[in-house]
């Protein structure tokens, strides 16, 4: 019996892998991250309070430096077009969300809860550092990446949600759950699912406006071309 091409089977985009990572894997990782702390804390005011925040920031910087080396190595050693595409996508994907996530980590730590920010910051930064391994292991984009990307997406979703709850309701949502692993797992799962829908109103209107605008542009160019003919 032949072995499967991928870890989960022969379909590189098997949706069951995405479902597993969203519903089980990433909430479990986030639960473990939050359980590794002493529980919700106070705003960080000393170096010791902010040690893991600083560590997260350094790991984010290291991931960028490492991907720069990755890009240079790929492009100067006669690598394939597929390898170059992977290295470029890893760079773009790495830098497109990091500034805002770092801002949320520091705001959460300095003005709100350093313990939670430290746990989620480390989860995010370690996952980002490992991202190219998961992307490149099969030489193309596959569902393997979901084992990594869902982990760092959920870390930033939890930061965003906890900060939003503090701003809107003056509530530390994760703090209310304490160190109960079941509650933390369910909260992580719920936040991951809800955030998918939170992105839809603006995301889909961006899509519709842009699609309509491109269609209008094509129609206008066609009319102009006919008038000139």
Protein backbone atom coordinates (compact mmCIF):
# COMPACT_ATOMS: atom_id res chain seq x y z
CA UNK A 1 0.00 0.00 0.00
CA UNK A 2 1.49 3.30 -1.11
CA UNK A 3 2.04 5.96 1.54
CA UNK A 4 0.14 9.24 1.40
CA UNK A 5 1.77 12.19 -0.30
CA UNK A 6 1.03 14.51 2.61
CA UNK A 7 0.84 13.99 6.35
CA UNK A 8 -2.98 13.84 6.20
CA UNK A 9 -3.52 12.20 2.79
CA UNK A 10 -3.21 13.00 -0.92
CA UNK A 11 -5.29 16.19 -1.15
CA UNK A 12 -3.01 19.15 -0.47
CA UNK A 13 -6.01 21.40 0.27
CA UNK A 14 -8.04 18.93 2.32
CA UNK A 15 -10.58 21.12 4.21
CA UNK A 16 -10.62 18.65 7.10
CA UNK A 17 -7.12 19.82 8.03
CA UNK A 18 -8.29 23.44 8.24
CA UNK A 19 -11.25 22.38 10.39
CA UNK A 20 -8.99 20.42 12.74
CA UNK A 21 -6.60 23.35 13.13
CA UNK A 22 -9.38 25.88 13.72
CA UNK A 23 -11.56 23.78 16.01
CA UNK A 24 -8.99 21.78 17.98
CA UNK A 25 -5.32 22.46 17.33
CA UNK A 26 -5.04 26.24 17.69
CA UNK A 27 -7.46 26.52 20.66
CA UNK A 28 -5.47 23.77 22.40
CA UNK A 29 -2.19 25.62 21.79
CA UNK A 30 -3.66 28.89 23.08
CA UNK A 31 -5.04 27.15 26.15
CA UNK A 32 -1.61 25.68 26.88
CA UNK A 33 0.03 29.09 26.39
CA UNK A 34 -2.33 30.82 28.81
CA UNK A 35 -2.04 27.98 31.35
CA UNK A 36 1.75 28.47 31.43
CA UNK A 37 1.32 31.85 33.14
CA UNK A 38 0.49 32.65 36.76
CA UNK A 39 -2.93 33.75 35.58
CA UNK A 40 -4.13 37.23 34.58
CA UNK A 41 -1.86 39.95 35.88
CA UNK A 42 -1.51 43.69 36.23
CA UNK A 43 -0.02 46.23 33.83
CA UNK A 44 3.72 45.75 33.41
CA UNK A 45 5.86 48.45 35.01
CA UNK A 46 9.28 46.80 35.42
CA UNK A 47 11.69 44.92 33.22
CA UNK A 48 10.76 41.68 34.96
CA UNK A 49 7.06 42.33 34.29
CA UNK A 50 7.84 42.87 30.62
CA UNK A 51 10.48 40.17 30.16
CA UNK A 52 8.31 37.96 27.94
CA UNK A 53 6.99 40.97 26.01
CA UNK A 54 10.57 41.97 25.21
CA UNK A 55 11.39 38.36 24.34
CA UNK A 56 8.42 38.24 21.95
CA UNK A 57 9.59 41.44 20.30
CA UNK A 58 13.09 40.05 19.85
CA UNK A 59 11.71 36.83 18.35
CA UNK A 60 9.65 38.85 15.88
CA UNK A 61 12.79 40.75 14.89
CA UNK A 62 14.70 37.46 14.57
CA UNK A 63 12.02 36.06 12.28
CA UNK A 64 12.40 39.04 9.94
CA UNK A 65 16.21 38.81 9.96
CA UNK A 66 16.01 35.07 9.29
CA UNK A 67 13.60 35.46 6.39
CA UNK A 68 15.88 38.11 4.89
CA UNK A 69 18.67 35.52 4.93
CA UNK A 70 16.24 32.96 3.50
CA UNK A 71 15.38 35.30 0.61
CA UNK A 72 18.99 36.13 -0.21
CA UNK A 73 20.02 32.47 -0.09
CA UNK A 74 17.16 31.37 -2.34
CA UNK A 75 17.76 34.08 -4.92
CA UNK A 76 21.55 33.73 -5.12
CA UNK A 77 21.82 29.95 -5.42
CA UNK A 78 19.91 29.28 -8.62
CA UNK A 79 16.80 28.03 -6.84
CA UNK A 80 13.58 27.21 -8.66
CA UNK A 81 10.80 29.68 -9.31
CA UNK A 82 8.66 27.79 -6.77
CA UNK A 83 11.30 28.21 -4.06
CA UNK A 84 11.63 31.93 -4.83
CA UNK A 85 7.85 32.33 -4.66
CA UNK A 86 7.76 30.64 -1.26
CA UNK A 87 10.53 32.84 0.13
CA UNK A 88 8.83 36.01 -1.12
CA UNK A 89 5.45 34.97 0.24
CA UNK A 90 7.01 34.17 3.61
CA UNK A 91 8.49 37.66 3.76
CA UNK A 92 5.28 39.45 2.78
CA UNK A 93 3.16 37.32 5.09
CA UNK A 94 5.55 37.94 7.97
CA UNK A 95 5.65 41.72 7.75
CA UNK A 96 2.02 42.41 6.80
CA UNK A 97 0.57 41.92 10.31
CA UNK A 98 3.55 42.18 12.64
CA UNK A 99 3.46 45.96 13.30
CA UNK A 100 -0.14 45.95 14.54
CA UNK A 101 0.30 42.71 16.50
CA UNK A 102 3.38 44.09 18.27
CA UNK A 103 1.41 47.23 19.09
CA UNK A 104 -1.41 45.15 20.59
CA UNK A 105 1.04 43.05 22.61
CA UNK A 106 2.68 46.13 24.13
CA UNK A 107 -0.59 48.01 24.74
CA UNK A 108 -2.05 44.94 26.41
CA UNK A 109 1.05 44.53 28.58
CA UNK A 110 1.72 48.12 29.62
CA UNK A 111 -1.85 49.34 30.10
CA UNK A 112 -3.77 46.20 30.93
CA UNK A 113 -2.40 42.70 31.66
CA UNK A 114 1.25 41.79 31.15
CA UNK A 115 0.88 38.07 31.90
CA UNK A 116 -1.71 37.41 29.22
CA UNK A 117 0.14 39.58 26.72
CA UNK A 118 3.36 37.70 27.41
CA UNK A 119 1.76 34.29 26.84
CA UNK A 120 0.02 35.30 23.62
CA UNK A 121 3.05 37.29 22.45
CA UNK A 122 5.28 34.24 22.76
CA UNK A 123 2.69 32.08 21.03
CA UNK A 124 2.55 34.54 18.14
CA UNK A 125 6.27 35.18 17.81
CA UNK A 126 7.38 31.53 18.05
CA UNK A 127 4.79 30.48 15.47
CA UNK A 128 5.92 33.29 13.16
CA UNK A 129 9.55 32.22 13.51
CA UNK A 130 8.61 28.67 12.44
CA UNK A 131 6.31 29.75 9.59
CA UNK A 132 8.72 29.10 6.66
CA UNK A 133 9.24 25.48 7.75
CA UNK A 134 5.53 24.75 7.46
CA UNK A 135 5.26 26.59 4.13
CA UNK A 136 8.31 25.06 2.50
CA UNK A 137 8.25 21.47 3.73
CA UNK A 138 6.26 20.25 0.69
CA UNK A 139 7.63 22.82 -1.76
CA UNK A 140 4.23 24.45 -2.29
CA UNK A 141 1.26 25.90 -0.45
CA UNK A 142 -0.56 23.08 1.31
CA UNK A 143 -2.76 22.67 4.35
CA UNK A 144 0.42 22.00 6.33
CA UNK A 145 0.63 25.76 6.79
CA UNK A 146 -2.60 25.72 8.81
CA UNK A 147 -0.88 23.92 11.68
CA UNK A 148 1.24 27.05 12.01
CA UNK A 149 -0.84 29.97 10.74
CA UNK A 150 -3.95 29.20 12.80
CA UNK A 151 -1.78 29.35 15.93
CA UNK A 152 -0.53 32.88 15.30
CA UNK A 153 -3.86 34.07 13.94
CA UNK A 154 -5.61 32.94 17.10
CA UNK A 155 -2.98 34.60 19.31
CA UNK A 156 -3.64 37.96 17.69
CA UNK A 157 -7.41 37.38 17.63
CA UNK A 158 -7.33 36.81 21.40
CA UNK A 159 -5.31 39.99 21.92
CA UNK A 160 -7.70 41.96 19.71
CA UNK A 161 -10.78 40.57 21.46
CA UNK A 162 -9.47 41.07 24.98
CA UNK A 163 -8.46 44.67 24.21
CA UNK A 164 -11.82 45.31 22.52
CA UNK A 165 -13.70 43.98 25.55
CA UNK A 166 -11.64 46.23 27.81
CA UNK A 167 -12.32 49.28 25.64
CA UNK A 168 -16.05 48.62 25.17
CA UNK A 169 -17.06 47.00 28.45
CA UNK A 170 -14.07 47.51 30.77
CA UNK A 171 -13.84 43.71 31.14
CA UNK A 172 -10.80 41.43 31.10
CA UNK A 173 -12.49 38.52 29.32
CA UNK A 174 -9.58 36.10 29.62
CA UNK A 175 -9.01 37.26 33.18
CA UNK A 176 -12.54 36.25 34.14
CA UNK A 177 -11.80 32.69 33.00
CA UNK A 178 -8.84 32.30 35.33
CA UNK A 179 -6.76 29.17 34.79
CA UNK A 180 -9.63 26.84 33.93
CA UNK A 181 -8.46 24.91 30.85
CA UNK A 182 -11.97 24.06 29.65
CA UNK A 183 -13.11 27.68 29.80
CA UNK A 184 -9.93 28.88 28.12
CA UNK A 185 -10.31 26.30 25.35
CA UNK A 186 -13.94 27.21 24.72
CA UNK A 187 -13.14 30.94 24.78
CA UNK A 188 -10.27 30.45 22.33
CA UNK A 189 -12.49 28.39 20.04
CA UNK A 190 -15.28 30.95 20.24
CA UNK A 191 -13.00 33.90 19.57
CA UNK A 192 -11.47 32.15 16.56
CA UNK A 193 -14.89 31.51 15.03
CA UNK A 194 -16.37 34.92 15.86
CA UNK A 195 -13.36 36.76 14.41
CA UNK A 196 -13.93 35.08 11.06
CA UNK A 197 -17.32 36.84 10.92
CA UNK A 198 -16.00 40.11 12.38
CA UNK A 199 -13.81 40.48 9.29
CA UNK A 200 -16.64 39.92 6.83
CA UNK A 201 -18.51 43.27 6.82
CA UNK A 202 -15.55 45.39 5.74
CA UNK A 203 -13.71 42.59 3.95
CA UNK A 204 -16.64 41.69 1.71
CA UNK A 205 -17.56 45.30 1.00
CA UNK A 206 -13.92 45.95 0.02
CA UNK A 207 -14.26 43.01 -2.36
CA UNK A 208 -17.58 44.12 -3.84
CA UNK A 209 -16.53 47.75 -4.34
CA UNK A 210 -13.23 46.74 -5.94
CA UNK A 211 -14.86 44.15 -8.20
CA UNK A 212 -17.50 46.66 -9.31
CA UNK A 213 -14.84 49.32 -9.85
CA UNK A 214 -12.75 47.00 -12.02
CA UNK A 215 -15.82 46.07 -14.07
CA UNK A 216 -16.67 49.75 -14.51
CA UNK A 217 -13.08 50.45 -15.61
CA UNK A 218 -13.18 47.64 -18.18
CA UNK A 219 -16.54 48.85 -19.53
CA UNK A 220 -15.32 52.45 -19.75
CA UNK A 221 -12.18 51.37 -21.60
CA UNK A 222 -14.22 49.23 -23.99
CA UNK A 223 -16.56 52.14 -24.77
CA UNK A 224 -13.62 54.49 -25.28
CA UNK A 225 -11.98 51.98 -27.62
CA UNK A 226 -15.18 51.65 -29.69
CA UNK A 227 -15.54 55.42 -29.92
CA UNK A 228 -12.00 55.72 -31.20
CA UNK A 229 -12.44 52.95 -33.77
